Amino acid sequence: MSYRTPLSRVEGLGSAHSGVEHFWRQRVTAVALIPLSVWFVNAMLGFVGADRDAVFAYLHEPLHAVLMVLFLFAILTHMTLGIQVVIEDYVPNESQKIACVLLNKAFGWIVGAVCLFAMFKIAV
C-alpha cells in the first residue's frame, strides 16, 4: 500500500517535488572526475620545472584542450553541488540560505566563464 499518488509514482518525485536529480548530478560528476583527475595530475606532474610555453603548447592541442574544459566543467559543477548541500544543511536562516545558494551558483558560473575564456584564448 502506497500513500503516493499515481502521478507522483510515475514522475518519481518525492515530498520536495524534485526527484533525485541533485544526487545523481553529484554522483555523475564524481565518477567523471576520476579519469579526468588522473589525466590532470599526470599531465601537470609532467610540467614540474617546465616553462609556461610548454604548458600552453600542451593545452593548444585539441584533445588536451577538450579534456581540460571537461575537467573544469565537472569540478566546478561538483563543487557547486557540494557547497549547496552544506549551505542547505547548516545555514539556519532561510533568507541567508537563499542568498548563499545564489552566491554559490554565481561564483561557479563566473569562475567557469573565466576558465572557459582562458582555455579559448590558449586553444585558439
PDB file of N, CA and C in Angstrom:
ATOM      1  N   MET A   1       0.849  -1.185   0.000  1.00  0.00           N
ATOM      2  CA  MET A   1       0.000   0.000   0.000  1.00  0.00           C
ATOM      3  C   MET A   1       0.883   1.231   0.000  1.00  0.00           C
ATOM      4  N   SER A   2       0.689   2.103  -0.949  1.00  0.00           N
ATOM      5  CA  SER A   2       1.473   3.322  -1.053  1.00  0.00           C
ATOM      6  C   SER A   2       0.568   4.528  -0.833  1.00  0.00           C
ATOM      7  N   TYR A   3       1.114   5.518  -0.170  1.00  0.00           N
ATOM      8  CA  TYR A   3       0.376   6.752   0.063  1.00  0.00           C
ATOM      9  C   TYR A   3       0.646   7.782  -1.031  1.00  0.00           C
ATOM     10  N   ARG A   4       1.476   7.435  -1.972  1.00  0.00           N
ATOM     11  CA  ARG A   4       1.792   8.350  -3.065  1.00  0.00           C
ATOM     12  C   ARG A   4       0.696   8.286  -4.118  1.00  0.00           C
ATOM     13  N   THR A   5       0.498   9.403  -4.784  1.00  0.00           N
ATOM     14  CA  THR A   5      -0.486   9.445  -5.853  1.00  0.00           C
ATOM     15  C   THR A   5       0.081   8.749  -7.085  1.00  0.00           C
ATOM     16  N   PRO A   6      -0.772   8.285  -7.971  1.00  0.00           N
ATOM     17  CA  PRO A   6      -0.262   7.638  -9.190  1.00  0.00           C
ATOM     18  C   PRO A   6       0.645   8.555 -10.008  1.00  0.00           C
ATOM     19  N   LEU A   7       0.320   9.850 -10.046  1.00  0.00           N
ATOM     20  CA  LEU A   7       1.147  10.788 -10.807  1.00  0.00           C
ATOM     21  C   LEU A   7       2.536  10.913 -10.191  1.00  0.00           C
ATOM     22  N   SER A   8       2.622  10.996  -8.872  1.00  0.00           N
ATOM     23  CA  SER A   8       3.939  11.129  -8.249  1.00  0.00           C
ATOM     24  C   SER A   8       4.755   9.853  -8.413  1.00  0.00           C
ATOM     25  N   ARG A   9       4.100   8.690  -8.469  1.00  0.00           N
ATOM     26  CA  ARG A   9       4.828   7.445  -8.711  1.00  0.00           C
ATOM     27  C   ARG A   9       5.392   7.414 -10.121  1.00  0.00           C
ATOM     28  N   VAL A  10       4.649   7.936 -11.077  1.00  0.00           N
ATOM     29  CA  VAL A  10       5.117   7.958 -12.464  1.00  0.00           C
ATOM     30  C   VAL A  10       6.260   8.957 -12.618  1.00  0.00           C
ATOM     31  N   GLU A  11       6.119  10.140 -12.026  1.00  0.00           N
ATOM     32  CA  GLU A  11       7.148  11.166 -12.149  1.00  0.00           C
ATOM     33  C   GLU A  11       8.362  10.884 -11.285  1.00  0.00           C
ATOM     34  N   GLY A  12       8.185  10.083 -10.240  1.00  0.00           N
ATOM     35  CA  GLY A  12       9.300   9.763  -9.357  1.00  0.00           C
ATOM     36  C   GLY A  12       9.658  10.902  -8.426  1.00  0.00           C
ATOM     37  N   LEU A  13       8.728  11.797  -8.161  1.00  0.00           N
ATOM     38  CA  LEU A  13       9.006  12.939  -7.317  1.00  0.00           C
ATOM     39  C   LEU A  13       8.638  12.636  -5.873  1.00  0.00           C
ATOM     40  N   GLY A  14       9.449  13.127  -4.957  1.00  0.00           N
ATOM     41  CA  GLY A  14       9.176  12.938  -3.539  1.00  0.00           C
ATOM     42  C   GLY A  14       8.401  14.113  -2.970  1.00  0.00           C
ATOM     43  N   SER A  15       8.476  14.256  -1.662  1.00  0.00           N
ATOM     44  CA  SER A  15       7.720  15.304  -0.988  1.00  0.00           C
ATOM     45  C   SER A  15       8.243  16.693  -1.324  1.00  0.00           C
ATOM     46  N   ALA A  16       9.500  16.795  -1.730  1.00  0.00           N
ATOM     47  CA  ALA A  16      10.069  18.091  -2.083  1.00  0.00           C
ATOM     48  C   ALA A  16       9.722  18.481  -3.516  1.00  0.00           C
ATOM     49  N   HIS A  17       9.013  17.628  -4.228  1.00  0.00           N
ATOM     50  CA  HIS A  17       8.608  17.861  -5.613  1.00  0.00           C
ATOM     51  C   HIS A  17       9.789  17.993  -6.558  1.00  0.00           C
ATOM     52  N   SER A  18      10.879  17.396  -6.187  1.00  0.00           N
ATOM     53  CA  SER A  18      12.023  17.308  -7.083  1.00  0.00           C
ATOM     54  C   SER A  18      12.646  15.943  -6.848  1.00  0.00           C
ATOM     55  N   GLY A  19      12.867  15.243  -7.894  1.00  0.00           N
ATOM     56  CA  GLY A  19      13.368  13.882  -7.772  1.00  0.00           C
ATOM     57  C   GLY A  19      14.759  13.843  -7.182  1.00  0.00           C
ATOM     58  N   VAL A  20      15.588  13.008  -7.690  1.00  0.00           N
ATOM     59  CA  VAL A  20      16.930  12.830  -7.157  1.00  0.00           C
ATOM     60  C   VAL A  20      17.972  13.404  -8.116  1.00  0.00           C
ATOM     61  N   GLU A  21      17.578  14.424  -8.851  1.00  0.00           N
ATOM     62  CA  GLU A  21      18.473  14.999  -9.858  1.00  0.00           C
ATOM     63  C   GLU A  21      19.775  15.507  -9.233  1.00  0.00           C
ATOM     64  N   HIS A  22      19.671  16.219  -8.118  1.00  0.00           N
ATOM     65  CA  HIS A  22      20.854  16.766  -7.448  1.00  0.00           C
ATOM     66  C   HIS A  22      21.797  15.637  -7.037  1.00  0.00           C
ATOM     67  N   PHE A  23      21.255  14.588  -6.449  1.00  0.00           N
ATOM     68  CA  PHE A  23      22.032  13.426  -6.024  1.00  0.00           C
ATOM     69  C   PHE A  23      22.771  12.804  -7.206  1.00  0.00           C
ATOM     70  N   TRP A  24      22.055  12.583  -8.306  1.00  0.00           N
ATOM     71  CA  TRP A  24      22.667  11.936  -9.461  1.00  0.00           C
ATOM     72  C   TRP A  24      23.676  12.829 -10.154  1.00  0.00           C
ATOM     73  N   ARG A  25      23.404  14.130 -10.218  1.00  0.00           N
ATOM     74  CA  ARG A  25      24.378  15.037 -10.840  1.00  0.00           C
ATOM     75  C   ARG A  25      25.685  15.035 -10.062  1.00  0.00           C
ATOM     76  N   GLN A  26      25.584  15.006  -8.725  1.00  0.00           N
ATOM     77  CA  GLN A  26      26.800  14.975  -7.921  1.00  0.00           C
ATOM     78  C   GLN A  26      27.547  13.660  -8.101  1.00  0.00           C
ATOM     79  N   ARG A  27      26.822  12.542  -8.193  1.00  0.00           N
ATOM     80  CA  ARG A  27      27.472  11.247  -8.375  1.00  0.00           C
ATOM     81  C   ARG A  27      28.086  11.115  -9.760  1.00  0.00           C
ATOM     82  N   VAL A  28      27.393  11.596 -10.777  1.00  0.00           N
ATOM     83  CA  VAL A  28      27.922  11.510 -12.144  1.00  0.00           C
ATOM     84  C   VAL A  28      29.176  12.365 -12.287  1.00  0.00           C
ATOM     85  N   THR A  29      29.170  13.568 -11.717  1.00  0.00           N
ATOM     86  CA  THR A  29      30.374  14.401 -11.798  1.00  0.00           C
ATOM     87  C   THR A  29      31.517  13.776 -11.008  1.00  0.00           C
ATOM     88  N   ALA A  30      31.200  13.111  -9.900  1.00  0.00           N
ATOM     89  CA  ALA A  30      32.256  12.441  -9.126  1.00  0.00           C
ATOM     90  C   ALA A  30      32.892  11.318  -9.938  1.00  0.00           C
ATOM     91  N   VAL A  31      32.075  10.538 -10.617  1.00  0.00           N
ATOM     92  CA  VAL A  31      32.602   9.445 -11.442  1.00  0.00           C
ATOM     93  C   VAL A  31      33.393  10.007 -12.628  1.00  0.00           C
ATOM     94  N   ALA A  32      32.899  11.085 -13.223  1.00  0.00           N
ATOM     95  CA  ALA A  32      33.612  11.697 -14.352  1.00  0.00           C
ATOM     96  C   ALA A  32      34.948  12.282 -13.902  1.00  0.00           C
ATOM     97  N   LEU A  33      35.005  12.736 -12.659  1.00  0.00           N
ATOM     98  CA  LEU A  33      36.247  13.337 -12.169  1.00  0.00           C
ATOM     99  C   LEU A  33      37.349  12.309 -11.916  1.00  0.00           C
ATOM    100  N   ILE A  34      37.010  11.052 -11.799  1.00  0.00           N
ATOM    101  CA  ILE A  34      38.050  10.044 -11.541  1.00  0.00           C
ATOM    102  C   ILE A  34      39.055   9.990 -12.697  1.00  0.00           C
ATOM    103  N   PRO A  35      38.622   9.683 -13.929  1.00  0.00           N
ATOM    104  CA  PRO A  35      39.633   9.645 -15.005  1.00  0.00           C
ATOM    105  C   PRO A  35      40.163  11.036 -15.359  1.00  0.00           C
ATOM    106  N   LEU A  36      39.313  12.055 -15.257  1.00  0.00           N
ATOM    107  CA  LEU A  36      39.778  13.407 -15.589  1.00  0.00           C
ATOM    108  C   LEU A  36      40.830  13.890 -14.593  1.00  0.00           C
ATOM    109  N   SER A  37      40.669  13.553 -13.322  1.00  0.00           N
ATOM    110  CA  SER A  37      41.663  13.944 -12.320  1.00  0.00           C
ATOM    111  C   SER A  37      42.972  13.197 -12.514  1.00  0.00           C
ATOM    112  N   VAL A  38      42.873  11.927 -12.881  1.00  0.00           N
ATOM    113  CA  VAL A  38      44.093  11.160 -13.165  1.00  0.00           C
ATOM    114  C   VAL A  38      44.827  11.793 -14.343  1.00  0.00           C
ATOM    115  N   TRP A  39      44.081  12.142 -15.391  1.00  0.00           N
ATOM    116  CA  TRP A  39      44.697  12.799 -16.548  1.00  0.00           C
ATOM    117  C   TRP A  39      45.332  14.124 -16.140  1.00  0.00           C
ATOM    118  N   PHE A  40      44.606  14.934 -15.364  1.00  0.00           N
ATOM    119  CA  PHE A  40      45.084  16.259 -14.975  1.00  0.00           C
ATOM    120  C   PHE A  40      46.355  16.166 -14.132  1.00  0.00           C
ATOM    121  N   VAL A  41      46.334  15.320 -13.113  1.00  0.00           N
ATOM    122  CA  VAL A  41      47.513  15.189 -12.237  1.00  0.00           C
ATOM    123  C   VAL A  41      48.701  14.654 -13.029  1.00  0.00           C
ATOM    124  N   ASN A  42      48.469  13.656 -13.866  1.00  0.00           N
ATOM    125  CA  ASN A  42      49.550  13.104 -14.685  1.00  0.00           C
ATOM    126  C   ASN A  42      50.125  14.162 -15.626  1.00  0.00           C
ATOM    127  N   ALA A  43      49.240  14.933 -16.249  1.00  0.00           N
ATOM    128  CA  ALA A  43      49.708  15.965 -17.177  1.00  0.00           C
ATOM    129  C   ALA A  43      50.482  17.051 -16.446  1.00  0.00           C
ATOM    130  N   MET A  44      49.974  17.498 -15.312  1.00  0.00           N
ATOM    131  CA  MET A  44      50.627  18.600 -14.600  1.00  0.00           C
ATOM    132  C   MET A  44      51.925  18.167 -13.933  1.00  0.00           C
ATOM    133  N   LEU A  45      52.013  16.907 -13.495  1.00  0.00           N
ATOM    134  CA  LEU A  45      53.283  16.435 -12.931  1.00  0.00           C
ATOM    135  C   LEU A  45      54.373  16.404 -13.995  1.00  0.00           C
ATOM    136  N   GLY A  46      53.968  16.219 -15.236  1.00  0.00           N
ATOM    137  CA  GLY A  46      54.936  16.248 -16.333  1.00  0.00           C
ATOM    138  C   GLY A  46      55.489  17.638 -16.596  1.00  0.00           C
ATOM    139  N   PHE A  47      54.836  18.647 -16.061  1.00  0.00           N
ATOM    140  CA  PHE A  47      55.279  20.019 -16.291  1.00  0.00           C
ATOM    141  C   PHE A  47      56.009  20.629 -15.100  1.00  0.00           C
ATOM    142  N   VAL A  48      56.345  19.829 -14.126  1.00  0.00           N
ATOM    143  CA  VAL A  48      57.101  20.347 -12.991  1.00  0.00           C
ATOM    144  C   VAL A  48      58.467  20.812 -13.509  1.00  0.00           C
ATOM    145  N   GLY A  49      58.758  22.066 -13.310  1.00  0.00           N
ATOM    146  CA  GLY A  49      60.010  22.647 -13.774  1.00  0.00           C
ATOM    147  C   GLY A  49      59.977  23.143 -15.212  1.00  0.00           C
ATOM    148  N   ALA A  50      58.862  22.923 -15.915  1.00  0.00           N
ATOM    149  CA  ALA A  50      58.757  23.382 -17.305  1.00  0.00           C
ATOM    150  C   ALA A  50      58.344  24.851 -17.330  1.00  0.00           C
ATOM    151  N   ASP A  51      58.545  25.461 -18.473  1.00  0.00           N
ATOM    152  CA  ASP A  51      58.152  26.867 -18.596  1.00  0.00           C
ATOM    153  C   ASP A  51      56.700  26.988 -19.057  1.00  0.00           C
ATOM    154  N   ARG A  52      56.230  28.207 -19.066  1.00  0.00           N
ATOM    155  CA  ARG A  52      54.837  28.500 -19.411  1.00  0.00           C
ATOM    156  C   ARG A  52      54.513  28.098 -20.845  1.00  0.00           C
ATOM    157  N   ASP A  53      55.455  28.280 -21.741  1.00  0.00           N
ATOM    158  CA  ASP A  53      55.216  27.968 -23.145  1.00  0.00           C
ATOM    159  C   ASP A  53      54.972  26.475 -23.378  1.00  0.00           C
ATOM    160  N   ALA A  54      55.600  25.622 -22.576  1.00  0.00           N
ATOM    161  CA  ALA A  54      55.385  24.174 -22.715  1.00  0.00           C
ATOM    162  C   ALA A  54      53.955  23.809 -22.319  1.00  0.00           C
ATOM    163  N   VAL A  55      53.440  24.440 -21.259  1.00  0.00           N
ATOM    164  CA  VAL A  55      52.061  24.178 -20.831  1.00  0.00           C
ATOM    165  C   VAL A  55      51.088  24.704 -21.880  1.00  0.00           C
ATOM    166  N   PHE A  56      51.352  25.871 -22.424  1.00  0.00           N
ATOM    167  CA  PHE A  56      50.480  26.436 -23.460  1.00  0.00           C
ATOM    168  C   PHE A  56      50.470  25.551 -24.700  1.00  0.00           C
ATOM    169  N   ALA A  57      51.635  25.056 -25.083  1.00  0.00           N
ATOM    170  CA  ALA A  57      51.708  24.178 -26.260  1.00  0.00           C
ATOM    171  C   ALA A  57      50.928  22.888 -26.008  1.00  0.00           C
ATOM    172  N   TYR A  58      51.004  22.369 -24.794  1.00  0.00           N
ATOM    173  CA  TYR A  58      50.262  21.156 -24.446  1.00  0.00           C
ATOM    174  C   TYR A  58      48.757  21.405 -24.513  1.00  0.00           C
ATOM    175  N   LEU A  59      48.298  22.506 -23.932  1.00  0.00           N
ATOM    176  CA  LEU A  59      46.867  22.820 -23.924  1.00  0.00           C
ATOM    177  C   LEU A  59      46.373  23.339 -25.271  1.00  0.00           C
ATOM    178  N   HIS A  60      47.274  23.656 -26.157  1.00  0.00           N
ATOM    179  CA  HIS A  60      46.890  24.118 -27.501  1.00  0.00           C
ATOM    180  C   HIS A  60      46.410  22.944 -28.359  1.00  0.00           C
ATOM    181  N   GLU A  61      46.817  21.725 -28.009  1.00  0.00           N
ATOM    182  CA  GLU A  61      46.353  20.545 -28.738  1.00  0.00           C
ATOM    183  C   GLU A  61      44.871  20.327 -28.440  1.00  0.00           C
ATOM    184  N   PRO A  62      44.067  20.016 -29.472  1.00  0.00           N
ATOM    185  CA  PRO A  62      42.609  19.913 -29.283  1.00  0.00           C
ATOM    186  C   PRO A  62      42.172  18.897 -28.228  1.00  0.00           C
ATOM    187  N   LEU A  63      42.797  17.720 -28.207  1.00  0.00           N
ATOM    188  CA  LEU A  63      42.403  16.705 -27.239  1.00  0.00           C
ATOM    189  C   LEU A  63      42.612  17.190 -25.816  1.00  0.00           C
ATOM    190  N   HIS A  64      43.757  17.796 -25.554  1.00  0.00           N
ATOM    191  CA  HIS A  64      44.057  18.262 -24.208  1.00  0.00           C
ATOM    192  C   HIS A  64      43.191  19.460 -23.823  1.00  0.00           C
ATOM    193  N   ALA A  65      42.879  20.310 -24.787  1.00  0.00           N
ATOM    194  CA  ALA A  65      42.007  21.444 -24.502  1.00  0.00           C
ATOM    195  C   ALA A  65      40.598  20.971 -24.139  1.00  0.00           C
ATOM    196  N   VAL A  66      40.094  19.984 -24.873  1.00  0.00           N
ATOM    197  CA  VAL A  66      38.758  19.449 -24.576  1.00  0.00           C
ATOM    198  C   VAL A  66      38.748  18.756 -23.218  1.00  0.00           C
ATOM    199  N   LEU A  67      39.779  17.975 -22.935  1.00  0.00           N
ATOM    200  CA  LEU A  67      39.847  17.306 -21.629  1.00  0.00           C
ATOM    201  C   LEU A  67      39.918  18.319 -20.485  1.00  0.00           C
ATOM    202  N   MET A  68      40.638  19.415 -20.695  1.00  0.00           N
ATOM    203  CA  MET A  68      40.729  20.435 -19.647  1.00  0.00           C
ATOM    204  C   MET A  68      39.383  21.119 -19.438  1.00  0.00           C
ATOM    205  N   VAL A  69      38.677  21.410 -20.509  1.00  0.00           N
ATOM    206  CA  VAL A  69      37.349  22.033 -20.384  1.00  0.00           C
ATOM    207  C   VAL A  69      36.393  21.069 -19.678  1.00  0.00           C
ATOM    208  N   LEU A  70      36.436  19.796 -20.024  1.00  0.00           N
ATOM    209  CA  LEU A  70      35.595  18.808 -19.342  1.00  0.00           C
ATOM    210  C   LEU A  70      35.957  18.706 -17.861  1.00  0.00           C
ATOM    211  N   PHE A  71      37.238  18.722 -17.560  1.00  0.00           N
ATOM    212  CA  PHE A  71      37.688  18.678 -16.169  1.00  0.00           C
ATOM    213  C   PHE A  71      37.183  19.891 -15.406  1.00  0.00           C
ATOM    214  N   LEU A  72      37.323  21.067 -15.994  1.00  0.00           N
ATOM    215  CA  LEU A  72      36.859  22.287 -15.327  1.00  0.00           C
ATOM    216  C   LEU A  72      35.349  22.278 -15.131  1.00  0.00           C
ATOM    217  N   PHE A  73      34.612  21.848 -16.143  1.00  0.00           N
ATOM    218  CA  PHE A  73      33.155  21.779 -16.023  1.00  0.00           C
ATOM    219  C   PHE A  73      32.741  20.808 -14.919  1.00  0.00           C
ATOM    220  N   ALA A  74      33.348  19.629 -14.908  1.00  0.00           N
ATOM    221  CA  ALA A  74      32.989  18.613 -13.910  1.00  0.00           C
ATOM    222  C   ALA A  74      33.348  19.067 -12.507  1.00  0.00           C
ATOM    223  N   ILE A  75      34.512  19.650 -12.348  1.00  0.00           N
ATOM    224  CA  ILE A  75      34.941  20.037 -10.995  1.00  0.00           C
ATOM    225  C   ILE A  75      34.137  21.225 -10.477  1.00  0.00           C
ATOM    226  N   LEU A  76      33.821  22.177 -11.343  1.00  0.00           N
ATOM    227  CA  LEU A  76      33.010  23.316 -10.898  1.00  0.00           C
ATOM    228  C   LEU A  76      31.574  22.905 -10.592  1.00  0.00           C
ATOM    229  N   THR A  77      31.019  22.014 -11.404  1.00  0.00           N
ATOM    230  CA  THR A  77      29.671  21.522 -11.130  1.00  0.00           C
ATOM    231  C   THR A  77      29.640  20.736  -9.826  1.00  0.00           C
ATOM    232  N   HIS A  78      30.600  19.860  -9.635  1.00  0.00           N
ATOM    233  CA  HIS A  78      30.667  19.054  -8.422  1.00  0.00           C
ATOM    234  C   HIS A  78      30.860  19.946  -7.191  1.00  0.00           C
ATOM    235  N   MET A  79      31.731  20.943  -7.300  1.00  0.00           N
ATOM    236  CA  MET A  79      31.971  21.854  -6.191  1.00  0.00           C
ATOM    237  C   MET A  79      30.706  22.632  -5.831  1.00  0.00           C
ATOM    238  N   THR A  80      30.030  23.166  -6.841  1.00  0.00           N
ATOM    239  CA  THR A  80      28.824  23.952  -6.598  1.00  0.00           C
ATOM    240  C   THR A  80      27.734  23.111  -5.947  1.00  0.00           C
ATOM    241  N   LEU A  81      27.553  21.882  -6.419  1.00  0.00           N
ATOM    242  CA  LEU A  81      26.550  20.997  -5.831  1.00  0.00           C
ATOM    243  C   LEU A  81      26.897  20.637  -4.389  1.00  0.00           C
ATOM    244  N   GLY A  82      28.158  20.358  -4.124  1.00  0.00           N
ATOM    245  CA  GLY A  82      28.581  20.001  -2.778  1.00  0.00           C
ATOM    246  C   GLY A  82      28.419  21.149  -1.795  1.00  0.00           C
ATOM    247  N   ILE A  83      28.818  22.345  -2.217  1.00  0.00           N
ATOM    248  CA  ILE A  83      28.682  23.503  -1.335  1.00  0.00           C
ATOM    249  C   ILE A  83      27.208  23.835  -1.113  1.00  0.00           C
ATOM    250  N   GLN A  84      26.379  23.614  -2.099  1.00  0.00           N
ATOM    251  CA  GLN A  84      24.943  23.859  -1.935  1.00  0.00           C
ATOM    252  C   GLN A  84      24.362  22.965  -0.843  1.00  0.00           C
ATOM    253  N   VAL A  85      24.797  21.709  -0.798  1.00  0.00           N
ATOM    254  CA  VAL A  85      24.314  20.799   0.244  1.00  0.00           C
ATOM    255  C   VAL A  85      24.743  21.299   1.625  1.00  0.00           C
ATOM    256  N   VAL A  86      25.980  21.750   1.739  1.00  0.00           N
ATOM    257  CA  VAL A  86      26.462  22.267   3.019  1.00  0.00           C
ATOM    258  C   VAL A  86      25.659  23.499   3.427  1.00  0.00           C
ATOM    259  N   ILE A  87      25.407  24.392   2.484  1.00  0.00           N
ATOM    260  CA  ILE A  87      24.623  25.592   2.776  1.00  0.00           C
ATOM    261  C   ILE A  87      23.216  25.207   3.230  1.00  0.00           C
ATOM    262  N   GLU A  88      22.575  24.315   2.499  1.00  0.00           N
ATOM    263  CA  GLU A  88      21.209  23.919   2.852  1.00  0.00           C
ATOM    264  C   GLU A  88      21.144  23.232   4.205  1.00  0.00           C
ATOM    265  N   ASP A  89      22.207  22.527   4.593  1.00  0.00           N
ATOM    266  CA  ASP A  89      22.197  21.816   5.861  1.00  0.00           C
ATOM    267  C   ASP A  89      22.558  22.699   7.059  1.00  0.00           C
ATOM    268  N   TYR A  90      23.420  23.692   6.864  1.00  0.00           N
ATOM    269  CA  TYR A  90      23.981  24.391   8.017  1.00  0.00           C
ATOM    270  C   TYR A  90      23.641  25.869   8.133  1.00  0.00           C
ATOM    271  N   VAL A  91      23.007  26.458   7.148  1.00  0.00           N
ATOM    272  CA  VAL A  91      22.593  27.859   7.273  1.00  0.00           C
ATOM    273  C   VAL A  91      21.145  27.860   7.762  1.00  0.00           C
ATOM    274  N   PRO A  92      20.911  28.353   8.999  1.00  0.00           N
ATOM    275  CA  PRO A  92      19.571  28.226   9.581  1.00  0.00           C
ATOM    276  C   PRO A  92      18.543  29.228   9.048  1.00  0.00           C
ATOM    277  N   ASN A  93      18.971  30.420   8.724  1.00  0.00           N
ATOM    278  CA  ASN A  93      18.057  31.468   8.280  1.00  0.00           C
ATOM    279  C   ASN A  93      17.730  31.268   6.803  1.00  0.00           C
ATOM    280  N   GLU A  94      16.445  31.259   6.470  1.00  0.00           N
ATOM    281  CA  GLU A  94      16.016  30.964   5.096  1.00  0.00           C
ATOM    282  C   GLU A  94      16.491  32.014   4.100  1.00  0.00           C
ATOM    283  N   SER A  95      16.438  33.294   4.477  1.00  0.00           N
ATOM    284  CA  SER A  95      16.882  34.341   3.543  1.00  0.00           C
ATOM    285  C   SER A  95      18.389  34.280   3.333  1.00  0.00           C
ATOM    286  N   GLN A  96      19.142  33.982   4.382  1.00  0.00           N
ATOM    287  CA  GLN A  96      20.589  33.824   4.232  1.00  0.00           C
ATOM    288  C   GLN A  96      20.911  32.589   3.396  1.00  0.00           C
ATOM    289  N   LYS A  97      20.126  31.554   3.576  1.00  0.00           N
ATOM    290  CA  LYS A  97      20.326  30.321   2.814  1.00  0.00           C
ATOM    291  C   LYS A  97      20.131  30.581   1.319  1.00  0.00           C
ATOM    292  N   ILE A  98      19.071  31.299   0.975  1.00  0.00           N
ATOM    293  CA  ILE A  98      18.802  31.614  -0.432  1.00  0.00           C
ATOM    294  C   ILE A  98      19.918  32.475  -1.003  1.00  0.00           C
ATOM    295  N   ALA A  99      20.351  33.479  -0.227  1.00  0.00           N
ATOM    296  CA  ALA A  99      21.425  34.358  -0.692  1.00  0.00           C
ATOM    297  C   ALA A  99      22.721  33.576  -0.897  1.00  0.00           C
ATOM    298  N   CYS A 100      23.039  32.693   0.027  1.00  0.00           N
ATOM    299  CA  CYS A 100      24.270  31.906  -0.094  1.00  0.00           C
ATOM    300  C   CYS A 100      24.214  30.944  -1.278  1.00  0.00           C
ATOM    301  N   VAL A 101      23.067  30.327  -1.503  1.00  0.00           N
ATOM    302  CA  VAL A 101      22.931  29.417  -2.649  1.00  0.00           C
ATOM    303  C   VAL A 101      23.083  30.194  -3.952  1.00  0.00           C
ATOM    304  N   LEU A 102      22.477  31.376  -4.025  1.00  0.00           N
ATOM    305  CA  LEU A 102      22.607  32.196  -5.241  1.00  0.00           C
ATOM    306  C   LEU A 102      24.048  32.655  -5.448  1.00  0.00           C
ATOM    307  N   LEU A 103      24.721  33.058  -4.376  1.00  0.00           N
ATOM    308  CA  LEU A 103      26.134  33.455  -4.487  1.00  0.00           C
ATOM    309  C   LEU A 103      27.004  32.267  -4.897  1.00  0.00           C
ATOM    310  N   ASN A 104      26.701  31.105  -4.373  1.00  0.00           N
ATOM    311  CA  ASN A 104      27.429  29.894  -4.730  1.00  0.00           C
ATOM    312  C   ASN A 104      27.291  29.600  -6.222  1.00  0.00           C
ATOM    313  N   LYS A 105      26.070  29.671  -6.720  1.00  0.00           N
ATOM    314  CA  LYS A 105      25.846  29.418  -8.153  1.00  0.00           C
ATOM    315  C   LYS A 105      26.508  30.496  -9.012  1.00  0.00           C
ATOM    316  N   ALA A 106      26.405  31.746  -8.580  1.00  0.00           N
ATOM    317  CA  ALA A 106      27.034  32.833  -9.325  1.00  0.00           C
ATOM    318  C   ALA A 106      28.550  32.653  -9.363  1.00  0.00           C
ATOM    319  N   PHE A 107      29.123  32.266  -8.235  1.00  0.00           N
ATOM    320  CA  PHE A 107      30.566  32.031  -8.183  1.00  0.00           C
ATOM    321  C   PHE A 107      30.973  30.940  -9.165  1.00  0.00           C
ATOM    322  N   GLY A 108      30.217  29.848  -9.177  1.00  0.00           N
ATOM    323  CA  GLY A 108      30.514  28.753 -10.107  1.00  0.00           C
ATOM    324  C   GLY A 108      30.433  29.195 -11.557  1.00  0.00           C
ATOM    325  N   TRP A 109      29.398  29.968 -11.886  1.00  0.00           N
ATOM    326  CA  TRP A 109      29.251  30.453 -13.267  1.00  0.00           C
ATOM    327  C   TRP A 109      30.363  31.427 -13.643  1.00  0.00           C
ATOM    328  N   ILE A 110      30.726  32.316 -12.728  1.00  0.00           N
ATOM    329  CA  ILE A 110      31.762  33.308 -13.031  1.00  0.00           C
ATOM    330  C   ILE A 110      33.116  32.633 -13.213  1.00  0.00           C
ATOM    331  N   VAL A 111      33.467  31.744 -12.292  1.00  0.00           N
ATOM    332  CA  VAL A 111      34.745  31.037 -12.416  1.00  0.00           C
ATOM    333  C   VAL A 111      34.746  30.184 -13.685  1.00  0.00           C
ATOM    334  N   GLY A 112      33.624  29.536 -13.985  1.00  0.00           N
ATOM    335  CA  GLY A 112      33.524  28.738 -15.202  1.00  0.00           C
ATOM    336  C   GLY A 112      33.691  29.574 -16.457  1.00  0.00           C
ATOM    337  N   ALA A 113      33.075  30.752 -16.477  1.00  0.00           N
ATOM    338  CA  ALA A 113      33.197  31.635 -17.643  1.00  0.00           C
ATOM    339  C   ALA A 113      34.634  32.120 -17.814  1.00  0.00           C
ATOM    340  N   VAL A 114      35.286  32.470 -16.720  1.00  0.00           N
ATOM    341  CA  VAL A 114      36.679  32.928 -16.797  1.00  0.00           C
ATOM    342  C   VAL A 114      37.586  31.794 -17.279  1.00  0.00           C
ATOM    343  N   CYS A 115      37.378  30.592 -16.737  1.00  0.00           N
ATOM    344  CA  CYS A 115      38.191  29.441 -17.161  1.00  0.00           C
ATOM    345  C   CYS A 115      37.950  29.099 -18.628  1.00  0.00           C
ATOM    346  N   LEU A 116      36.703  29.154 -19.050  1.00  0.00           N
ATOM    347  CA  LEU A 116      36.385  28.855 -20.444  1.00  0.00           C
ATOM    348  C   LEU A 116      37.019  29.899 -21.377  1.00  0.00           C
ATOM    349  N   PHE A 117      36.955  31.151 -20.982  1.00  0.00           N
ATOM    350  CA  PHE A 117      37.597  32.216 -21.767  1.00  0.00           C
ATOM    351  C   PHE A 117      39.098  31.997 -21.856  1.00  0.00           C
ATOM    352  N   ALA A 118      39.719  31.646 -20.720  1.00  0.00           N
ATOM    353  CA  ALA A 118      41.161  31.407 -20.721  1.00  0.00           C
ATOM    354  C   ALA A 118      41.520  30.213 -21.600  1.00  0.00           C
ATOM    355  N   MET A 119      40.747  29.144 -21.521  1.00  0.00           N
ATOM    356  CA  MET A 119      41.018  27.981 -22.361  1.00  0.00           C
ATOM    357  C   MET A 119      40.821  28.298 -23.832  1.00  0.00           C
ATOM    358  N   PHE A 120      39.834  29.118 -24.134  1.00  0.00           N
ATOM    359  CA  PHE A 120      39.619  29.526 -25.524  1.00  0.00           C
ATOM    360  C   PHE A 120      40.811  30.316 -26.042  1.00  0.00           C
ATOM    361  N   LYS A 121      41.317  31.227 -25.223  1.00  0.00           N
ATOM    362  CA  LYS A 121      42.474  32.019 -25.639  1.00  0.00           C
ATOM    363  C   LYS A 121      43.719  31.149 -25.824  1.00  0.00           C
ATOM    364  N   ILE A 122      43.867  30.141 -24.973  1.00  0.00           N
ATOM    365  CA  ILE A 122      45.023  29.249 -25.097  1.00  0.00           C
ATOM    366  C   ILE A 122      44.886  28.343 -26.317  1.00  0.00           C
ATOM    367  N   ALA A 123      43.698  27.809 -26.515  1.00  0.00           N
ATOM    368  CA  ALA A 123      43.490  26.822 -27.576  1.00  0.00           C
ATOM    369  C   ALA A 123      43.454  27.439 -28.962  1.00  0.00           C
ATOM    370  N   VAL A 124      43.084  28.689 -29.064  1.00  0.00           N
ATOM    371  CA  VAL A 124      42.950  29.315 -30.384  1.00  0.00           C
ATOM    372  C   VAL A 124      44.121  30.176 -30.720  1.00  0.00           C
TER     373      VAL A 124
END
